Amino acid sequence: MIWGTFALIFAAAFTGASFYVNWVEQPARLKLDDEALLSEWGPSDSRGIALLAAYALLAAIAGFSAYFESQDERWAFGALVIILSWPYAFFLMTPLDNQIRGLRGPDVAAARALVRQWGLVESGLTGLGLVAVAFFAWVI
């Protein structure tokens, strides 16, 4: 059952980090002026992507390991849900991220609207994390 505990811990860490981005970092970021918002965006986004991707991968590995150990499908469902954050981020969030990173000069004013849109899309990661946590907590 140790794998299941790890799956729950990493999925909860993923969900907490994603929630933090939505409810703490995003509002603070949007209070900055356009230039500061963009200069903060790159380093913050790169670190956030790495952290969330690592938590999702570790939760999925632990969830699948718990499934193979116990044969309880709920572990596999939770692992699938949390690993869905990868294609979700790649196909829905990366295009917005690339647009934001590509803004220069007079286009900087468009950053605020794109960052707001990105924040709404990013809340989907929190939702995926919550569903995965629910599956893992249900089986424990």
C-alpha atoms as a PDB file:
ATOM      1  CA  MET A   1       0.000   0.000   0.000  1.00  0.00           C
ATOM      2  CA  ILE A   2       3.034   2.291   0.125  1.00  0.00           C
ATOM      3  CA  TRP A   3       2.658   3.054  -3.609  1.00  0.00           C
ATOM      4  CA  GLY A   4      -0.878   4.242  -3.060  1.00  0.00           C
ATOM      5  CA  THR A   5       0.231   6.563  -0.293  1.00  0.00           C
ATOM      6  CA  PHE A   6       2.896   8.037  -2.558  1.00  0.00           C
ATOM      7  CA  ALA A   7       0.349   8.428  -5.364  1.00  0.00           C
ATOM      8  CA  LEU A   8      -1.953  10.369  -3.063  1.00  0.00           C
ATOM      9  CA  ILE A   9       0.884  12.523  -1.703  1.00  0.00           C
ATOM     10  CA  PHE A  10       2.196  13.482  -5.151  1.00  0.00           C
ATOM     11  CA  ALA A  11      -1.282  14.080  -6.574  1.00  0.00           C
ATOM     12  CA  ALA A  12      -2.110  16.279  -3.573  1.00  0.00           C
ATOM     13  CA  ALA A  13       1.165  18.182  -4.036  1.00  0.00           C
ATOM     14  CA  PHE A  14       0.321  18.669  -7.730  1.00  0.00           C
ATOM     15  CA  THR A  15      -3.153  19.918  -6.835  1.00  0.00           C
ATOM     16  CA  GLY A  16      -1.840  22.225  -4.120  1.00  0.00           C
ATOM     17  CA  ALA A  17       0.810  23.732  -6.384  1.00  0.00           C
ATOM     18  CA  SER A  18      -1.707  24.259  -9.170  1.00  0.00           C
ATOM     19  CA  PHE A  19      -4.185  25.790  -6.733  1.00  0.00           C
ATOM     20  CA  TYR A  20      -1.444  28.118  -5.461  1.00  0.00           C
ATOM     21  CA  VAL A  21      -0.783  29.326  -9.004  1.00  0.00           C
ATOM     22  CA  ASN A  22      -4.489  30.036  -9.538  1.00  0.00           C
ATOM     23  CA  TRP A  23      -5.287  31.717  -6.246  1.00  0.00           C
ATOM     24  CA  VAL A  24      -2.023  33.347  -5.164  1.00  0.00           C
ATOM     25  CA  GLU A  25       0.500  33.775  -7.954  1.00  0.00           C
ATOM     26  CA  GLN A  26      -1.889  34.648 -10.789  1.00  0.00           C
ATOM     27  CA  PRO A  27      -3.678  37.499  -8.953  1.00  0.00           C
ATOM     28  CA  ALA A  28      -0.341  38.926  -7.780  1.00  0.00           C
ATOM     29  CA  ARG A  29       1.088  38.665 -11.301  1.00  0.00           C
ATOM     30  CA  LEU A  30      -1.900  40.518 -12.761  1.00  0.00           C
ATOM     31  CA  LYS A  31      -1.306  43.468 -10.413  1.00  0.00           C
ATOM     32  CA  LEU A  32       2.092  44.127 -12.002  1.00  0.00           C
ATOM     33  CA  ASP A  33       2.540  46.565 -14.871  1.00  0.00           C
ATOM     34  CA  ASP A  34       2.838  45.012 -18.340  1.00  0.00           C
ATOM     35  CA  GLU A  35       6.642  45.053 -18.524  1.00  0.00           C
ATOM     36  CA  ALA A  36       7.067  43.580 -15.036  1.00  0.00           C
ATOM     37  CA  LEU A  37       4.382  40.978 -15.752  1.00  0.00           C
ATOM     38  CA  LEU A  38       6.294  39.745 -18.790  1.00  0.00           C
ATOM     39  CA  SER A  39       9.685  39.761 -17.089  1.00  0.00           C
ATOM     40  CA  GLU A  40       8.216  37.722 -14.215  1.00  0.00           C
ATOM     41  CA  TRP A  41       6.417  35.349 -16.583  1.00  0.00           C
ATOM     42  CA  GLY A  42       9.362  33.468 -18.096  1.00  0.00           C
ATOM     43  CA  PRO A  43      11.196  32.274 -14.979  1.00  0.00           C
ATOM     44  CA  SER A  44       8.002  31.664 -13.022  1.00  0.00           C
ATOM     45  CA  ASP A  45       6.334  29.681 -15.786  1.00  0.00           C
ATOM     46  CA  SER A  46       9.411  27.542 -16.484  1.00  0.00           C
ATOM     47  CA  ARG A  47       9.759  26.562 -12.832  1.00  0.00           C
ATOM     48  CA  GLY A  48       6.035  25.911 -12.481  1.00  0.00           C
ATOM     49  CA  ILE A  49       5.956  23.657 -15.539  1.00  0.00           C
ATOM     50  CA  ALA A  50       8.866  21.607 -14.234  1.00  0.00           C
ATOM     51  CA  LEU A  51       7.352  21.238 -10.767  1.00  0.00           C
ATOM     52  CA  LEU A  52       3.858  20.281 -11.942  1.00  0.00           C
ATOM     53  CA  ALA A  53       5.179  17.882 -14.581  1.00  0.00           C
ATOM     54  CA  ALA A  54       7.353  16.133 -11.993  1.00  0.00           C
ATOM     55  CA  TYR A  55       4.518  15.799  -9.472  1.00  0.00           C
ATOM     56  CA  ALA A  56       2.174  14.457 -12.155  1.00  0.00           C
ATOM     57  CA  LEU A  57       4.722  11.913 -13.363  1.00  0.00           C
ATOM     58  CA  LEU A  58       5.541  10.717  -9.840  1.00  0.00           C
ATOM     59  CA  ALA A  59       1.837  10.444  -8.942  1.00  0.00           C
ATOM     60  CA  ALA A  60       1.130   8.483 -12.123  1.00  0.00           C
ATOM     61  CA  ILE A  61       4.049   6.090 -11.575  1.00  0.00           C
ATOM     62  CA  ALA A  62       3.017   5.500  -7.971  1.00  0.00           C
ATOM     63  CA  GLY A  63      -0.655   5.115  -8.978  1.00  0.00           C
ATOM     64  CA  PHE A  64       0.122   2.553 -11.663  1.00  0.00           C
ATOM     65  CA  SER A  65       2.463   0.734  -9.265  1.00  0.00           C
ATOM     66  CA  ALA A  66      -0.355   0.601  -6.697  1.00  0.00           C
ATOM     67  CA  TYR A  67      -2.665  -0.751  -9.398  1.00  0.00           C
ATOM     68  CA  PHE A  68      -0.235  -3.526 -10.381  1.00  0.00           C
ATOM     69  CA  GLU A  69       0.255  -4.373  -6.726  1.00  0.00           C
ATOM     70  CA  SER A  70      -3.440  -4.444  -5.780  1.00  0.00           C
ATOM     71  CA  GLN A  71      -5.328  -4.876  -9.089  1.00  0.00           C
ATOM     72  CA  ASP A  72      -7.755  -2.167  -7.946  1.00  0.00           C
ATOM     73  CA  GLU A  73      -8.720  -0.165 -11.044  1.00  0.00           C
ATOM     74  CA  ARG A  74      -9.244   3.040  -9.082  1.00  0.00           C
ATOM     75  CA  TRP A  75      -5.472   3.412  -8.812  1.00  0.00           C
ATOM     76  CA  ALA A  76      -5.155   3.170 -12.592  1.00  0.00           C
ATOM     77  CA  PHE A  77      -7.980   5.676 -13.146  1.00  0.00           C
ATOM     78  CA  GLY A  78      -6.357   8.159 -10.786  1.00  0.00           C
ATOM     79  CA  ALA A  79      -2.986   7.670 -12.488  1.00  0.00           C
ATOM     80  CA  LEU A  80      -4.551   8.211 -15.919  1.00  0.00           C
ATOM     81  CA  VAL A  81      -6.299  11.376 -14.778  1.00  0.00           C
ATOM     82  CA  ILE A  82      -3.148  12.912 -13.305  1.00  0.00           C
ATOM     83  CA  ILE A  83      -1.003  12.045 -16.328  1.00  0.00           C
ATOM     84  CA  LEU A  84      -3.642  13.665 -18.555  1.00  0.00           C
ATOM     85  CA  SER A  85      -2.244  16.934 -17.226  1.00  0.00           C
ATOM     86  CA  TRP A  86       0.681  16.489 -19.633  1.00  0.00           C
ATOM     87  CA  PRO A  87      -1.307  16.514 -22.894  1.00  0.00           C
ATOM     88  CA  TYR A  88      -3.685  19.095 -21.388  1.00  0.00           C
ATOM     89  CA  ALA A  89      -0.777  21.413 -20.701  1.00  0.00           C
ATOM     90  CA  PHE A  90       0.897  20.701 -24.033  1.00  0.00           C
ATOM     91  CA  PHE A  91      -2.119  21.209 -26.268  1.00  0.00           C
ATOM     92  CA  LEU A  92      -4.067  23.883 -24.359  1.00  0.00           C
ATOM     93  CA  MET A  93      -1.557  25.829 -22.284  1.00  0.00           C
ATOM     94  CA  THR A  94       1.629  25.752 -24.355  1.00  0.00           C
ATOM     95  CA  PRO A  95       0.192  27.728 -27.298  1.00  0.00           C
ATOM     96  CA  LEU A  96      -0.849  30.517 -24.904  1.00  0.00           C
ATOM     97  CA  ASP A  97       2.488  30.340 -23.132  1.00  0.00           C
ATOM     98  CA  ASN A  98       4.344  30.665 -26.430  1.00  0.00           C
ATOM     99  CA  GLN A  99       2.239  33.681 -27.391  1.00  0.00           C
ATOM    100  CA  ILE A 100       3.003  35.351 -24.073  1.00  0.00           C
ATOM    101  CA  ARG A 101       6.723  34.612 -24.324  1.00  0.00           C
ATOM    102  CA  GLY A 102       6.800  36.002 -27.870  1.00  0.00           C
ATOM    103  CA  LEU A 103       5.427  39.437 -26.977  1.00  0.00           C
ATOM    104  CA  ARG A 104       7.821  42.327 -27.527  1.00  0.00           C
ATOM    105  CA  GLY A 105       7.647  46.087 -27.891  1.00  0.00           C
ATOM    106  CA  PRO A 106       4.168  47.486 -28.537  1.00  0.00           C
ATOM    107  CA  ASP A 107       2.611  44.025 -28.252  1.00  0.00           C
ATOM    108  CA  VAL A 108       3.371  43.949 -24.535  1.00  0.00           C
ATOM    109  CA  ALA A 109      -0.044  45.463 -23.805  1.00  0.00           C
ATOM    110  CA  ALA A 110      -1.669  42.235 -25.075  1.00  0.00           C
ATOM    111  CA  ALA A 111       0.090  40.279 -22.330  1.00  0.00           C
ATOM    112  CA  ARG A 112      -2.481  40.969 -19.636  1.00  0.00           C
ATOM    113  CA  ALA A 113      -5.385  39.501 -21.636  1.00  0.00           C
ATOM    114  CA  LEU A 114      -3.338  36.450 -22.611  1.00  0.00           C
ATOM    115  CA  VAL A 115      -2.182  35.893 -19.026  1.00  0.00           C
ATOM    116  CA  ARG A 116      -5.795  36.092 -17.827  1.00  0.00           C
ATOM    117  CA  GLN A 117      -6.813  33.542 -20.452  1.00  0.00           C
ATOM    118  CA  TRP A 118      -3.865  31.332 -19.484  1.00  0.00           C
ATOM    119  CA  GLY A 119      -5.000  31.483 -15.844  1.00  0.00           C
ATOM    120  CA  LEU A 120      -8.461  30.238 -16.749  1.00  0.00           C
ATOM    121  CA  VAL A 121      -7.012  27.372 -18.761  1.00  0.00           C
ATOM    122  CA  GLU A 122      -4.538  26.592 -15.972  1.00  0.00           C
ATOM    123  CA  SER A 123      -7.399  26.064 -13.549  1.00  0.00           C
ATOM    124  CA  GLY A 124      -8.111  22.870 -15.510  1.00  0.00           C
ATOM    125  CA  LEU A 125      -4.914  21.432 -14.033  1.00  0.00           C
ATOM    126  CA  THR A 126      -6.304  22.006 -10.561  1.00  0.00           C
ATOM    127  CA  GLY A 127      -9.455  20.180 -11.615  1.00  0.00           C
ATOM    128  CA  LEU A 128      -7.501  17.207 -12.950  1.00  0.00           C
ATOM    129  CA  GLY A 129      -5.506  17.102  -9.727  1.00  0.00           C
ATOM    130  CA  LEU A 130      -8.657  17.149  -7.612  1.00  0.00           C
ATOM    131  CA  VAL A 131     -10.152  14.250  -9.582  1.00  0.00           C
ATOM    132  CA  ALA A 132      -6.951  12.218  -9.208  1.00  0.00           C
ATOM    133  CA  VAL A 133      -6.802  12.949  -5.478  1.00  0.00           C
ATOM    134  CA  ALA A 134     -10.455  11.875  -5.170  1.00  0.00           C
ATOM    135  CA  PHE A 135      -9.711   8.540  -6.873  1.00  0.00           C
ATOM    136  CA  PHE A 136      -6.645   7.918  -4.720  1.00  0.00           C
ATOM    137  CA  ALA A 137      -8.405   8.938  -1.495  1.00  0.00           C
ATOM    138  CA  TRP A 138     -11.421   6.773  -2.405  1.00  0.00           C
ATOM    139  CA  VAL A 139      -9.311   3.649  -2.723  1.00  0.00           C
ATOM    140  CA  ILE A 140      -7.387   4.287   0.485  1.00  0.00           C
END
